[in-house]
Amino acid sequence: MMHAAYTLALIGVIYPVVVHWMWSDSGWLSAFFDPRNSWGRFYSGVVDFAGSGVVYMTAGAAAMVGCFILGPLKPEENAGRISPTNSLALASTGTFLLWVCFYGLASGRTLGLSNGFARVAEKVVVMVTLAAGGGGIGGIALQQLLSFSPKYEPSGTLVLNSVLGALVAVQAGSSVIEPYAAFAIGGFAAPTYLASSALLDFVHLIDPLGNVSVFFFCGAYGLVVAGLLGTTMNTTASYPEGQNCGWFYSGCNWKQFVTNIVGAVMVAGWTLLTSLGVFLAIRWLQSYSERSDTSVSSHSQDNVQAHPQVAPSWKFWKRKHNAPVTEDSTAAVPSPLD
């Protein structure tokens, strides 16, 4: 029930607000803003074509709050649990399945194939492929560099999560960047993932599968660099007229870079605060439910002690199915079917 409450809060309240801000024609951070609205927007809006910030940062921020609220498992709770690295074959299969899914998630953001959007979708698919390849190569390179350290324990999940981090990071600028930029974004996603994982370990925030590092930190990294690497030609082809291009190219300025930073800060702030409220409310409800259960259980025990001939239904079930049937036992607790 609590999982359902959290899911409803995330998809019914938290995520729709972010989508409205950045993808709606009336959002104050939207690049698709309709100028007929009476209010304005921040510069020309955030460049986040396929959701590095809107989708993945939101999910990663919510996961971060969940990790913070739950805390680390106690040694007795962790006993006998399967480590996520025990089956590298299954982890690799899942990574490649997600890789394929990203093709549909990214190219489908064109919302159509007419009026030149087919070429945009084709370009996005190529950028996704190059970024994933760059992430894999970056992860392998990091693995080799770290192997010289005697304290490092090799792990295949570094490469796999580097690929996923690259796929997340490239989503924001997938329609406005060039192929070399997509490969570079993917390559630098590997150290972004590794550094953020080390940061989480340093602050004792337990993230066993690396979801926070992959989705939140790599998503934020991809959203920021999209404000640097968008070319004029690609931006014009995939966004409305007047959209700012990346700061690294001639004829462009710093405004898109700053706008994307503001977008990343707003997504992080909104999601972290609202998720914290949701998780605290869930924790309070759980503790209240546990106190109520304890009170009911205590009342049942007192009732049994005051009236030994009457037993709660769970005691009758245990006695009926586990205890040997004798004349005395059946006489003490009559069957509810009699």
C-alpha atoms as a PDB file:
ATOM      1  CA  MET A   1       0.000   0.000   0.000  1.00  0.00           C
ATOM      2  CA  MET A   2       2.820   2.383   0.862  1.00  0.00           C
ATOM      3  CA  HIS A   3       4.562   1.620  -2.444  1.00  0.00           C
ATOM      4  CA  ALA A   4       1.349   2.495  -4.265  1.00  0.00           C
ATOM      5  CA  ALA A   5       1.082   5.786  -2.353  1.00  0.00           C
ATOM      6  CA  TYR A   6       4.652   6.756  -3.283  1.00  0.00           C
ATOM      7  CA  THR A   7       4.108   5.811  -6.930  1.00  0.00           C
ATOM      8  CA  LEU A   8       0.900   7.832  -7.146  1.00  0.00           C
ATOM      9  CA  ALA A   9       2.604  10.852  -5.571  1.00  0.00           C
ATOM     10  CA  LEU A  10       5.529  10.644  -7.990  1.00  0.00           C
ATOM     11  CA  ILE A  11       3.566  10.207 -11.206  1.00  0.00           C
ATOM     12  CA  GLY A  12       0.539  12.229 -10.128  1.00  0.00           C
ATOM     13  CA  VAL A  13       2.131  15.295  -8.517  1.00  0.00           C
ATOM     14  CA  ILE A  14       5.931  15.518  -8.681  1.00  0.00           C
ATOM     15  CA  TYR A  15       6.664  14.495 -12.273  1.00  0.00           C
ATOM     16  CA  PRO A  16       3.770  16.402 -13.954  1.00  0.00           C
ATOM     17  CA  VAL A  17       4.992  19.705 -12.493  1.00  0.00           C
ATOM     18  CA  VAL A  18       8.450  19.200 -14.004  1.00  0.00           C
ATOM     19  CA  VAL A  19       6.935  18.233 -17.360  1.00  0.00           C
ATOM     20  CA  HIS A  20       4.782  21.356 -17.331  1.00  0.00           C
ATOM     21  CA  TRP A  21       7.747  23.597 -16.567  1.00  0.00           C
ATOM     22  CA  MET A  22       9.965  22.264 -19.371  1.00  0.00           C
ATOM     23  CA  TRP A  23       7.789  20.680 -22.053  1.00  0.00           C
ATOM     24  CA  SER A  24       4.470  22.515 -21.917  1.00  0.00           C
ATOM     25  CA  ASP A  25       3.696  25.444 -24.225  1.00  0.00           C
ATOM     26  CA  SER A  26       2.977  27.499 -21.096  1.00  0.00           C
ATOM     27  CA  GLY A  27       5.906  26.394 -18.924  1.00  0.00           C
ATOM     28  CA  TRP A  28       8.285  29.097 -17.721  1.00  0.00           C
ATOM     29  CA  LEU A  29      11.302  26.897 -18.578  1.00  0.00           C
ATOM     30  CA  SER A  30       9.905  25.421 -21.795  1.00  0.00           C
ATOM     31  CA  ALA A  31      11.629  25.822 -25.150  1.00  0.00           C
ATOM     32  CA  PHE A  32       8.221  25.224 -26.735  1.00  0.00           C
ATOM     33  CA  PHE A  33       6.644  28.217 -24.978  1.00  0.00           C
ATOM     34  CA  ASP A  34       3.698  29.851 -26.741  1.00  0.00           C
ATOM     35  CA  PRO A  35       4.386  33.633 -26.871  1.00  0.00           C
ATOM     36  CA  ARG A  36       0.644  34.315 -26.755  1.00  0.00           C
ATOM     37  CA  ASN A  37       0.695  33.524 -23.032  1.00  0.00           C
ATOM     38  CA  SER A  38       0.521  36.592 -20.832  1.00  0.00           C
ATOM     39  CA  TRP A  39       3.490  35.535 -18.685  1.00  0.00           C
ATOM     40  CA  GLY A  40       7.062  35.094 -19.826  1.00  0.00           C
ATOM     41  CA  ARG A  41       9.702  32.426 -19.647  1.00  0.00           C
ATOM     42  CA  PHE A  42      13.336  32.227 -18.599  1.00  0.00           C
ATOM     43  CA  TYR A  43      15.342  33.293 -21.657  1.00  0.00           C
ATOM     44  CA  SER A  44      14.501  30.844 -24.471  1.00  0.00           C
ATOM     45  CA  GLY A  45      13.767  27.812 -22.310  1.00  0.00           C
ATOM     46  CA  VAL A  46      15.663  24.667 -21.353  1.00  0.00           C
ATOM     47  CA  VAL A  47      17.068  22.389 -24.054  1.00  0.00           C
ATOM     48  CA  ASP A  48      16.112  18.931 -22.811  1.00  0.00           C
ATOM     49  CA  PHE A  49      14.897  17.076 -25.847  1.00  0.00           C
ATOM     50  CA  ALA A  50      14.358  13.571 -24.470  1.00  0.00           C
ATOM     51  CA  GLY A  51      14.389  14.031 -20.710  1.00  0.00           C
ATOM     52  CA  SER A  52      17.823  13.944 -19.064  1.00  0.00           C
ATOM     53  CA  GLY A  53      16.393  16.377 -16.544  1.00  0.00           C
ATOM     54  CA  VAL A  54      12.639  16.030 -16.915  1.00  0.00           C
ATOM     55  CA  VAL A  55      12.525  12.239 -16.674  1.00  0.00           C
ATOM     56  CA  TYR A  56      15.770  10.857 -15.302  1.00  0.00           C
ATOM     57  CA  MET A  57      16.851  13.572 -12.874  1.00  0.00           C
ATOM     58  CA  THR A  58      13.370  13.486 -11.377  1.00  0.00           C
ATOM     59  CA  ALA A  59      13.536   9.723 -10.907  1.00  0.00           C
ATOM     60  CA  GLY A  60      17.084   9.875  -9.547  1.00  0.00           C
ATOM     61  CA  ALA A  61      16.274  12.624  -7.059  1.00  0.00           C
ATOM     62  CA  ALA A  62      13.300  10.670  -5.741  1.00  0.00           C
ATOM     63  CA  ALA A  63      15.517   7.582  -5.439  1.00  0.00           C
ATOM     64  CA  MET A  64      18.106   9.608  -3.540  1.00  0.00           C
ATOM     65  CA  VAL A  65      15.538  10.690  -0.971  1.00  0.00           C
ATOM     66  CA  GLY A  66      14.352   7.097  -0.665  1.00  0.00           C
ATOM     67  CA  CYS A  67      17.908   5.908   0.016  1.00  0.00           C
ATOM     68  CA  PHE A  68      18.324   8.654   2.618  1.00  0.00           C
ATOM     69  CA  ILE A  69      15.087   7.836   4.437  1.00  0.00           C
ATOM     70  CA  LEU A  70      15.571   4.063   4.415  1.00  0.00           C
ATOM     71  CA  GLY A  71      19.230   4.178   5.409  1.00  0.00           C
ATOM     72  CA  PRO A  72      21.643   1.253   5.190  1.00  0.00           C
ATOM     73  CA  LEU A  73      20.584  -2.293   5.905  1.00  0.00           C
ATOM     74  CA  LYS A  74      21.616  -3.724   9.234  1.00  0.00           C
ATOM     75  CA  PRO A  75      24.045  -6.654   9.049  1.00  0.00           C
ATOM     76  CA  GLU A  76      21.351  -9.096  10.162  1.00  0.00           C
ATOM     77  CA  GLU A  77      18.952  -7.723   7.524  1.00  0.00           C
ATOM     78  CA  ASN A  78      21.557  -8.047   4.775  1.00  0.00           C
ATOM     79  CA  ALA A  79      22.442 -11.630   5.641  1.00  0.00           C
ATOM     80  CA  GLY A  80      21.698 -14.023   2.830  1.00  0.00           C
ATOM     81  CA  ARG A  81      20.771 -11.337   0.319  1.00  0.00           C
ATOM     82  CA  ILE A  82      22.031 -11.696  -3.242  1.00  0.00           C
ATOM     83  CA  SER A  83      24.640  -9.170  -4.307  1.00  0.00           C
ATOM     84  CA  PRO A  84      23.712  -7.252  -7.476  1.00  0.00           C
ATOM     85  CA  THR A  85      27.023  -8.332  -9.038  1.00  0.00           C
ATOM     86  CA  ASN A  86      26.457 -12.036  -8.567  1.00  0.00           C
ATOM     87  CA  SER A  87      25.019 -12.480 -12.053  1.00  0.00           C
ATOM     88  CA  LEU A  88      26.988 -10.355 -14.482  1.00  0.00           C
ATOM     89  CA  ALA A  89      25.304 -12.120 -17.406  1.00  0.00           C
ATOM     90  CA  LEU A  90      21.830 -11.048 -16.268  1.00  0.00           C
ATOM     91  CA  ALA A  91      23.062  -7.525 -15.542  1.00  0.00           C
ATOM     92  CA  SER A  92      24.566  -7.295 -19.034  1.00  0.00           C
ATOM     93  CA  THR A  93      21.345  -8.567 -20.594  1.00  0.00           C
ATOM     94  CA  GLY A  94      19.337  -5.958 -18.719  1.00  0.00           C
ATOM     95  CA  THR A  95      21.742  -3.209 -19.802  1.00  0.00           C
ATOM     96  CA  PHE A  96      21.413  -4.109 -23.477  1.00  0.00           C
ATOM     97  CA  LEU A  97      17.622  -4.312 -23.191  1.00  0.00           C
ATOM     98  CA  LEU A  98      17.567  -0.822 -21.695  1.00  0.00           C
ATOM     99  CA  TRP A  99      19.903   0.346 -24.454  1.00  0.00           C
ATOM    100  CA  VAL A 100      17.356  -0.745 -27.055  1.00  0.00           C
ATOM    101  CA  CYS A 101      14.536   0.899 -25.105  1.00  0.00           C
ATOM    102  CA  PHE A 102      16.377   4.219 -25.171  1.00  0.00           C
ATOM    103  CA  TYR A 103      16.081   4.270 -28.966  1.00  0.00           C
ATOM    104  CA  GLY A 104      12.327   4.439 -28.698  1.00  0.00           C
ATOM    105  CA  LEU A 105      12.328   6.799 -25.734  1.00  0.00           C
ATOM    106  CA  ALA A 106      14.613   9.316 -27.443  1.00  0.00           C
ATOM    107  CA  SER A 107      13.409   9.227 -31.040  1.00  0.00           C
ATOM    108  CA  GLY A 108       9.769   9.100 -29.957  1.00  0.00           C
ATOM    109  CA  ARG A 109      10.110  12.595 -28.502  1.00  0.00           C
ATOM    110  CA  THR A 110       9.695  14.006 -32.019  1.00  0.00           C
ATOM    111  CA  LEU A 111       5.999  13.051 -31.641  1.00  0.00           C
ATOM    112  CA  GLY A 112       5.785  12.556 -35.398  1.00  0.00           C
ATOM    113  CA  LEU A 113       7.735  11.902 -38.593  1.00  0.00           C
ATOM    114  CA  SER A 114       6.346  14.600 -40.883  1.00  0.00           C
ATOM    115  CA  ASN A 115       7.696  18.125 -41.532  1.00  0.00           C
ATOM    116  CA  GLY A 116      11.316  17.014 -41.246  1.00  0.00           C
ATOM    117  CA  PHE A 117      10.978  15.317 -37.863  1.00  0.00           C
ATOM    118  CA  ALA A 118      11.915  11.966 -39.400  1.00  0.00           C
ATOM    119  CA  ARG A 119      15.465  13.248 -39.889  1.00  0.00           C
ATOM    120  CA  VAL A 120      15.551  14.514 -36.329  1.00  0.00           C
ATOM    121  CA  ALA A 121      14.498  11.055 -35.097  1.00  0.00           C
ATOM    122  CA  GLU A 122      17.189   9.428 -37.239  1.00  0.00           C
ATOM    123  CA  LYS A 123      19.820  11.783 -35.842  1.00  0.00           C
ATOM    124  CA  VAL A 124      18.712  11.111 -32.273  1.00  0.00           C
ATOM    125  CA  VAL A 125      19.099   7.348 -32.737  1.00  0.00           C
ATOM    126  CA  VAL A 126      22.653   7.830 -34.037  1.00  0.00           C
ATOM    127  CA  MET A 127      23.537  10.107 -31.111  1.00  0.00           C
ATOM    128  CA  VAL A 128      22.198   7.555 -28.632  1.00  0.00           C
ATOM    129  CA  THR A 129      24.320   4.814 -30.199  1.00  0.00           C
ATOM    130  CA  LEU A 130      27.501   6.893 -30.181  1.00  0.00           C
ATOM    131  CA  ALA A 131      26.979   8.021 -26.601  1.00  0.00           C
ATOM    132  CA  ALA A 132      26.431   4.474 -25.356  1.00  0.00           C
ATOM    133  CA  GLY A 133      29.581   3.351 -27.142  1.00  0.00           C
ATOM    134  CA  GLY A 134      31.508   6.227 -25.613  1.00  0.00           C
ATOM    135  CA  GLY A 135      30.188   5.342 -22.178  1.00  0.00           C
ATOM    136  CA  GLY A 136      31.275   1.730 -22.560  1.00  0.00           C
ATOM    137  CA  ILE A 137      34.753   2.709 -23.734  1.00  0.00           C
ATOM    138  CA  GLY A 138      35.029   5.259 -20.935  1.00  0.00           C
ATOM    139  CA  GLY A 139      34.038   2.634 -18.391  1.00  0.00           C
ATOM    140  CA  ILE A 140      36.597   0.164 -19.721  1.00  0.00           C
ATOM    141  CA  ALA A 141      39.311   2.839 -19.662  1.00  0.00           C
ATOM    142  CA  LEU A 142      38.481   3.698 -16.057  1.00  0.00           C
ATOM    143  CA  GLN A 143      38.520   0.010 -15.180  1.00  0.00           C
ATOM    144  CA  GLN A 144      42.014  -0.304 -16.587  1.00  0.00           C
ATOM    145  CA  LEU A 145      43.269   2.812 -14.792  1.00  0.00           C
ATOM    146  CA  LEU A 146      41.825   1.704 -11.482  1.00  0.00           C
ATOM    147  CA  SER A 147      43.325  -1.773 -11.850  1.00  0.00           C
ATOM    148  CA  PHE A 148      46.741  -0.292 -11.015  1.00  0.00           C
ATOM    149  CA  SER A 149      45.482   0.526  -7.533  1.00  0.00           C
ATOM    150  CA  PRO A 150      45.916  -2.368  -5.075  1.00  0.00           C
ATOM    151  CA  LYS A 151      42.782  -1.267  -3.204  1.00  0.00           C
ATOM    152  CA  TYR A 152      40.488  -1.475  -6.232  1.00  0.00           C
ATOM    153  CA  GLU A 153      38.294  -4.524  -6.748  1.00  0.00           C
ATOM    154  CA  PRO A 154      37.344  -4.996 -10.426  1.00  0.00           C
ATOM    155  CA  SER A 155      33.617  -4.914 -11.101  1.00  0.00           C
ATOM    156  CA  GLY A 156      31.753  -5.352 -14.346  1.00  0.00           C
ATOM    157  CA  THR A 157      29.006  -3.063 -13.119  1.00  0.00           C
ATOM    158  CA  LEU A 158      31.297  -0.046 -13.648  1.00  0.00           C
ATOM    159  CA  VAL A 159      31.202  -0.561 -17.412  1.00  0.00           C
ATOM    160  CA  LEU A 160      27.494  -1.410 -17.506  1.00  0.00           C
ATOM    161  CA  ASN A 161      26.468   1.583 -15.409  1.00  0.00           C
ATOM    162  CA  SER A 162      28.760   3.813 -17.454  1.00  0.00           C
ATOM    163  CA  VAL A 163      26.799   2.784 -20.546  1.00  0.00           C
ATOM    164  CA  LEU A 164      23.504   3.526 -18.803  1.00  0.00           C
ATOM    165  CA  GLY A 165      24.832   6.842 -17.511  1.00  0.00           C
ATOM    166  CA  ALA A 166      25.861   7.782 -21.048  1.00  0.00           C
ATOM    167  CA  LEU A 167      22.401   6.903 -22.382  1.00  0.00           C
ATOM    168  CA  VAL A 168      20.823   9.104 -19.726  1.00  0.00           C
ATOM    169  CA  ALA A 169      23.231  12.009 -20.263  1.00  0.00           C
ATOM    170  CA  VAL A 170      22.815  12.227 -24.040  1.00  0.00           C
ATOM    171  CA  GLN A 171      19.032  12.516 -23.932  1.00  0.00           C
ATOM    172  CA  ALA A 172      18.960  16.277 -23.304  1.00  0.00           C
ATOM    173  CA  GLY A 173      21.072  17.293 -26.271  1.00  0.00           C
ATOM    174  CA  SER A 174      20.479  14.335 -28.576  1.00  0.00           C
ATOM    175  CA  SER A 175      18.770  16.494 -31.224  1.00  0.00           C
ATOM    176  CA  VAL A 176      21.147  19.480 -31.156  1.00  0.00           C
ATOM    177  CA  ILE A 177      24.652  18.012 -30.830  1.00  0.00           C
ATOM    178  CA  GLU A 178      27.108  16.622 -33.375  1.00  0.00           C
ATOM    179  CA  PRO A 179      28.337  12.990 -33.445  1.00  0.00           C
ATOM    180  CA  TYR A 180      31.702  13.781 -31.851  1.00  0.00           C
ATOM    181  CA  ALA A 181      29.914  15.597 -29.025  1.00  0.00           C
ATOM    182  CA  ALA A 182      27.633  12.604 -28.417  1.00  0.00           C
ATOM    183  CA  PHE A 183      30.651  10.307 -28.125  1.00  0.00           C
ATOM    184  CA  ALA A 184      32.383  12.756 -25.764  1.00  0.00           C
ATOM    185  CA  ILE A 185      29.278  13.130 -23.594  1.00  0.00           C
ATOM    186  CA  GLY A 186      29.086   9.351 -23.303  1.00  0.00           C
ATOM    187  CA  GLY A 187      32.784   9.034 -22.513  1.00  0.00           C
ATOM    188  CA  PHE A 188      32.686  11.582 -19.703  1.00  0.00           C
ATOM    189  CA  ALA A 189      29.557   9.983 -18.269  1.00  0.00           C
ATOM    190  CA  ALA A 190      31.800   7.173 -16.949  1.00  0.00           C
ATOM    191  CA  PRO A 191      33.871   9.386 -14.596  1.00  0.00           C
ATOM    192  CA  THR A 192      30.677  11.252 -13.674  1.00  0.00           C
ATOM    193  CA  TYR A 193      29.136   7.975 -12.559  1.00  0.00           C
ATOM    194  CA  LEU A 194      32.277   6.882 -10.716  1.00  0.00           C
ATOM    195  CA  ALA A 195      32.779  10.213  -8.945  1.00  0.00           C
ATOM    196  CA  SER A 196      29.148  10.448  -7.866  1.00  0.00           C
ATOM    197  CA  SER A 197      29.251   6.870  -6.567  1.00  0.00           C
ATOM    198  CA  ALA A 198      32.325   7.746  -4.509  1.00  0.00           C
ATOM    199  CA  LEU A 199      30.537  10.842  -3.195  1.00  0.00           C
ATOM    200  CA  LEU A 200      27.518   8.793  -2.112  1.00  0.00           C
ATOM    201  CA  ASP A 201      29.800   6.317  -0.359  1.00  0.00           C
ATOM    202  CA  PHE A 202      31.576   9.202   1.377  1.00  0.00           C
ATOM    203  CA  VAL A 203      28.324  10.576   2.800  1.00  0.00           C
ATOM    204  CA  HIS A 204      27.147   7.020   3.637  1.00  0.00           C
ATOM    205  CA  LEU A 205      24.158   7.126   1.291  1.00  0.00           C
ATOM    206  CA  ILE A 206      23.601   3.512   0.310  1.00  0.00           C
ATOM    207  CA  ASP A 207      22.711   3.083  -3.383  1.00  0.00           C
ATOM    208  CA  PRO A 208      23.445  -0.591  -4.104  1.00  0.00           C
ATOM    209  CA  LEU A 209      22.405  -0.573  -7.771  1.00  0.00           C
ATOM    210  CA  GLY A 210      23.792   2.847  -8.673  1.00  0.00           C
ATOM    211  CA  ASN A 211      20.424   4.320  -9.626  1.00  0.00           C
ATOM    212  CA  VAL A 212      21.105   7.702  -8.047  1.00  0.00           C
ATOM    213  CA  SER A 213      24.462   8.032  -9.794  1.00  0.00           C
ATOM    214  CA  VAL A 214      23.144   6.897 -13.171  1.00  0.00           C
ATOM    215  CA  PHE A 215      19.890   8.821 -13.252  1.00  0.00           C
ATOM    216  CA  PHE A 216      20.362  11.890 -11.083  1.00  0.00           C
ATOM    217  CA  PHE A 217      24.022  12.819 -11.486  1.00  0.00           C
ATOM    218  CA  CYS A 218      24.453  11.688 -15.091  1.00  0.00           C
ATOM    219  CA  GLY A 219      21.110  13.294 -15.945  1.00  0.00           C
ATOM    220  CA  ALA A 220      22.233  16.602 -14.416  1.00  0.00           C
ATOM    221  CA  TYR A 221      25.556  16.373 -16.236  1.00  0.00           C
ATOM    222  CA  GLY A 222      23.828  15.752 -19.574  1.00  0.00           C
ATOM    223  CA  LEU A 223      21.372  18.603 -19.033  1.00  0.00           C
ATOM    224  CA  VAL A 224      24.160  21.090 -18.309  1.00  0.00           C
ATOM    225  CA  VAL A 225      26.405  20.130 -21.246  1.00  0.00           C
ATOM    226  CA  ALA A 226      23.428  20.349 -23.614  1.00  0.00           C
ATOM    227  CA  GLY A 227      23.619  24.093 -23.035  1.00  0.00           C
ATOM    228  CA  LEU A 228      27.216  24.063 -24.265  1.00  0.00           C
ATOM    229  CA  LEU A 229      27.274  21.729 -27.265  1.00  0.00           C
ATOM    230  CA  GLY A 230      24.124  22.517 -29.280  1.00  0.00           C
ATOM    231  CA  THR A 231      24.956  23.762 -32.780  1.00  0.00           C
ATOM    232  CA  THR A 232      22.978  26.493 -34.505  1.00  0.00           C
ATOM    233  CA  MET A 233      21.905  24.270 -37.412  1.00  0.00           C
ATOM    234  CA  ASN A 234      20.709  21.390 -35.247  1.00  0.00           C
ATOM    235  CA  THR A 235      18.947  23.666 -32.777  1.00  0.00           C
ATOM    236  CA  THR A 236      17.071  25.387 -35.610  1.00  0.00           C
ATOM    237  CA  ALA A 237      16.027  22.019 -37.053  1.00  0.00           C
ATOM    238  CA  SER A 238      14.538  20.644 -33.833  1.00  0.00           C
ATOM    239  CA  TYR A 239      13.368  23.695 -31.860  1.00  0.00           C
ATOM    240  CA  PRO A 240      11.188  26.747 -32.562  1.00  0.00           C
ATOM    241  CA  GLU A 241      12.680  29.879 -34.063  1.00  0.00           C
ATOM    242  CA  GLY A 242      14.720  31.974 -31.668  1.00  0.00           C
ATOM    243  CA  GLN A 243      16.011  29.107 -29.523  1.00  0.00           C
ATOM    244  CA  ASN A 244      19.502  29.764 -28.162  1.00  0.00           C
ATOM    245  CA  CYS A 245      22.319  27.432 -29.166  1.00  0.00           C
ATOM    246  CA  GLY A 246      25.302  26.112 -27.189  1.00  0.00           C
ATOM    247  CA  TRP A 247      27.835  28.468 -25.664  1.00  0.00           C
ATOM    248  CA  PHE A 248      30.814  26.667 -27.226  1.00  0.00           C
ATOM    249  CA  TYR A 249      29.890  27.679 -30.784  1.00  0.00           C
ATOM    250  CA  SER A 250      30.359  31.002 -32.530  1.00  0.00           C
ATOM    251  CA  GLY A 251      27.242  33.112 -32.843  1.00  0.00           C
ATOM    252  CA  CYS A 252      25.838  31.661 -29.626  1.00  0.00           C
ATOM    253  CA  ASN A 253      26.034  32.986 -26.087  1.00  0.00           C
ATOM    254  CA  TRP A 254      25.958  31.948 -22.461  1.00  0.00           C
ATOM    255  CA  LYS A 255      22.189  32.187 -22.049  1.00  0.00           C
ATOM    256  CA  GLN A 256      21.390  28.574 -22.952  1.00  0.00           C
ATOM    257  CA  PHE A 257      24.047  27.267 -20.598  1.00  0.00           C
ATOM    258  CA  VAL A 258      22.681  29.333 -17.706  1.00  0.00           C
ATOM    259  CA  THR A 259      19.100  28.368 -18.552  1.00  0.00           C
ATOM    260  CA  ASN A 260      19.939  24.674 -18.432  1.00  0.00           C
ATOM    261  CA  ILE A 261      21.707  25.108 -15.088  1.00  0.00           C
ATOM    262  CA  VAL A 262      18.611  26.829 -13.711  1.00  0.00           C
ATOM    263  CA  GLY A 263      16.510  23.961 -15.061  1.00  0.00           C
ATOM    264  CA  ALA A 264      18.719  21.378 -13.343  1.00  0.00           C
ATOM    265  CA  VAL A 265      18.546  23.267 -10.031  1.00  0.00           C
ATOM    266  CA  MET A 266      14.758  23.583 -10.232  1.00  0.00           C
ATOM    267  CA  VAL A 267      14.243  19.890 -11.029  1.00  0.00           C
ATOM    268  CA  ALA A 268      16.542  18.852  -8.182  1.00  0.00           C
ATOM    269  CA  GLY A 269      15.044  21.272  -5.659  1.00  0.00           C
ATOM    270  CA  TRP A 270      11.403  20.512  -6.449  1.00  0.00           C
ATOM    271  CA  THR A 271      11.827  16.739  -6.555  1.00  0.00           C
ATOM    272  CA  LEU A 272      14.023  16.475  -3.477  1.00  0.00           C
ATOM    273  CA  LEU A 273      11.718  18.580  -1.305  1.00  0.00           C
ATOM    274  CA  THR A 274       8.448  17.006  -2.427  1.00  0.00           C
ATOM    275  CA  SER A 275       9.864  13.471  -2.295  1.00  0.00           C
ATOM    276  CA  LEU A 276      11.135  14.132   1.216  1.00  0.00           C
ATOM    277  CA  GLY A 277       7.641  15.187   2.247  1.00  0.00           C
ATOM    278  CA  VAL A 278       6.110  12.100   0.658  1.00  0.00           C
ATOM    279  CA  PHE A 279       8.586   9.689   2.257  1.00  0.00           C
ATOM    280  CA  LEU A 280       8.247  11.312   5.679  1.00  0.00           C
ATOM    281  CA  ALA A 281       4.472  11.052   5.425  1.00  0.00           C
ATOM    282  CA  ILE A 282       4.763   7.383   4.442  1.00  0.00           C
ATOM    283  CA  ARG A 283       7.137   6.712   7.342  1.00  0.00           C
ATOM    284  CA  TRP A 284       4.724   8.394   9.764  1.00  0.00           C
ATOM    285  CA  LEU A 285       1.830   6.331   8.429  1.00  0.00           C
ATOM    286  CA  GLN A 286       3.881   3.158   8.783  1.00  0.00           C
ATOM    287  CA  SER A 287       4.828   3.942  12.370  1.00  0.00           C
ATOM    288  CA  TYR A 288       1.208   4.819  13.172  1.00  0.00           C
ATOM    289  CA  SER A 289       0.060   1.533  11.634  1.00  0.00           C
ATOM    290  CA  GLU A 290       2.667  -0.400  13.607  1.00  0.00           C
ATOM    291  CA  ARG A 291       1.578   1.295  16.851  1.00  0.00           C
ATOM    292  CA  SER A 292      -2.041   0.449  16.065  1.00  0.00           C
ATOM    293  CA  ASP A 293      -1.141  -3.187  15.364  1.00  0.00           C
ATOM    294  CA  THR A 294       0.813  -3.363  18.618  1.00  0.00           C
ATOM    295  CA  SER A 295      -2.124  -1.927  20.537  1.00  0.00           C
ATOM    296  CA  VAL A 296      -4.562  -4.396  18.965  1.00  0.00           C
ATOM    297  CA  SER A 297      -2.186  -7.296  19.634  1.00  0.00           C
ATOM    298  CA  SER A 298      -1.775  -6.218  23.284  1.00  0.00           C
ATOM    299  CA  HIS A 299      -5.539  -5.950  23.663  1.00  0.00           C
ATOM    300  CA  SER A 300      -5.980  -9.449  22.219  1.00  0.00           C
ATOM    301  CA  GLN A 301      -3.434 -10.888  24.631  1.00  0.00           C
ATOM    302  CA  ASP A 302      -5.180  -9.206  27.589  1.00  0.00           C
ATOM    303  CA  ASN A 303      -8.502 -10.591  26.386  1.00  0.00           C
ATOM    304  CA  VAL A 304      -7.095 -14.109  26.217  1.00  0.00           C
ATOM    305  CA  GLN A 305      -5.667 -13.851  29.716  1.00  0.00           C
ATOM    306  CA  ALA A 306      -8.983 -12.543  31.108  1.00  0.00           C
ATOM    307  CA  HIS A 307     -11.068 -15.108  29.255  1.00  0.00           C
ATOM    308  CA  PRO A 308      -8.986 -18.254  28.670  1.00  0.00           C
ATOM    309  CA  GLN A 309     -11.881 -20.066  27.028  1.00  0.00           C
ATOM    310  CA  VAL A 310     -11.982 -17.520  24.181  1.00  0.00           C
ATOM    311  CA  ALA A 311      -9.021 -17.311  21.800  1.00  0.00           C
ATOM    312  CA  PRO A 312      -8.388 -15.014  18.817  1.00  0.00           C
ATOM    313  CA  SER A 313      -8.908 -16.485  15.366  1.00  0.00           C
ATOM    314  CA  TRP A 314      -5.183 -16.675  14.625  1.00  0.00           C
ATOM    315  CA  LYS A 315      -4.630 -18.739  17.782  1.00  0.00           C
ATOM    316  CA  PHE A 316      -7.446 -21.058  16.789  1.00  0.00           C
ATOM    317  CA  TRP A 317      -5.927 -21.443  13.312  1.00  0.00           C
ATOM    318  CA  LYS A 318      -2.519 -22.280  14.755  1.00  0.00           C
ATOM    319  CA  ARG A 319      -4.030 -24.710  17.240  1.00  0.00           C
ATOM    320  CA  LYS A 320      -6.299 -26.331  14.722  1.00  0.00           C
ATOM    321  CA  HIS A 321      -3.592 -27.001  12.136  1.00  0.00           C
ATOM    322  CA  ASN A 322      -0.468 -27.467  14.220  1.00  0.00           C
ATOM    323  CA  ALA A 323      -1.541 -28.896  17.576  1.00  0.00           C
ATOM    324  CA  PRO A 324      -2.672 -32.515  17.974  1.00  0.00           C
ATOM    325  CA  VAL A 325      -6.430 -32.829  18.123  1.00  0.00           C
ATOM    326  CA  THR A 326      -7.703 -34.099  21.480  1.00  0.00           C
ATOM    327  CA  GLU A 327     -11.033 -33.995  23.234  1.00  0.00           C
ATOM    328  CA  ASP A 328      -9.727 -31.372  25.658  1.00  0.00           C
ATOM    329  CA  SER A 329      -8.403 -29.085  22.945  1.00  0.00           C
ATOM    330  CA  THR A 330     -11.564 -29.151  20.848  1.00  0.00           C
ATOM    331  CA  ALA A 331     -13.684 -28.554  23.900  1.00  0.00           C
ATOM    332  CA  ALA A 332     -11.647 -25.529  25.022  1.00  0.00           C
ATOM    333  CA  VAL A 333     -12.004 -23.666  21.692  1.00  0.00           C
ATOM    334  CA  PRO A 334     -15.196 -24.428  19.796  1.00  0.00           C
ATOM    335  CA  SER A 335     -15.042 -24.379  16.002  1.00  0.00           C
ATOM    336  CA  PRO A 336     -16.602 -21.285  14.379  1.00  0.00           C
ATOM    337  CA  LEU A 337     -18.401 -23.646  12.013  1.00  0.00           C
ATOM    338  CA  ASP A 338     -20.393 -25.257  14.845  1.00  0.00           C
END
